[in-house]
C-alpha cells in the first residue's frame, strides 16, 4: 500500500496526524500534511485508511499494490 497527500487539497486540518501520527507529518510553515513514507508498513495500514476517510478535503491518496 502506498500513500501520499495532495498538496493542492490539504488545508492543514491535522486529523491525519492525530489518527496516524507515525504515517503523517505536519509542515512547520503552514501545517499541511505529508506522508512520512510513501510505502505504508502493514501495521499502520488500518490507521492510514482511517485517516484518509476522515480527511475533510479528501487530500490523502491511497494506492493498493
Foldseek 3Di string as FASTA:
>chain_A
DFKWFAPVQFQQPCQLCVQQVQFWDADPPRNGITGPGGDDDPVRVVSNVVSCVPRPRSGMDDDDD
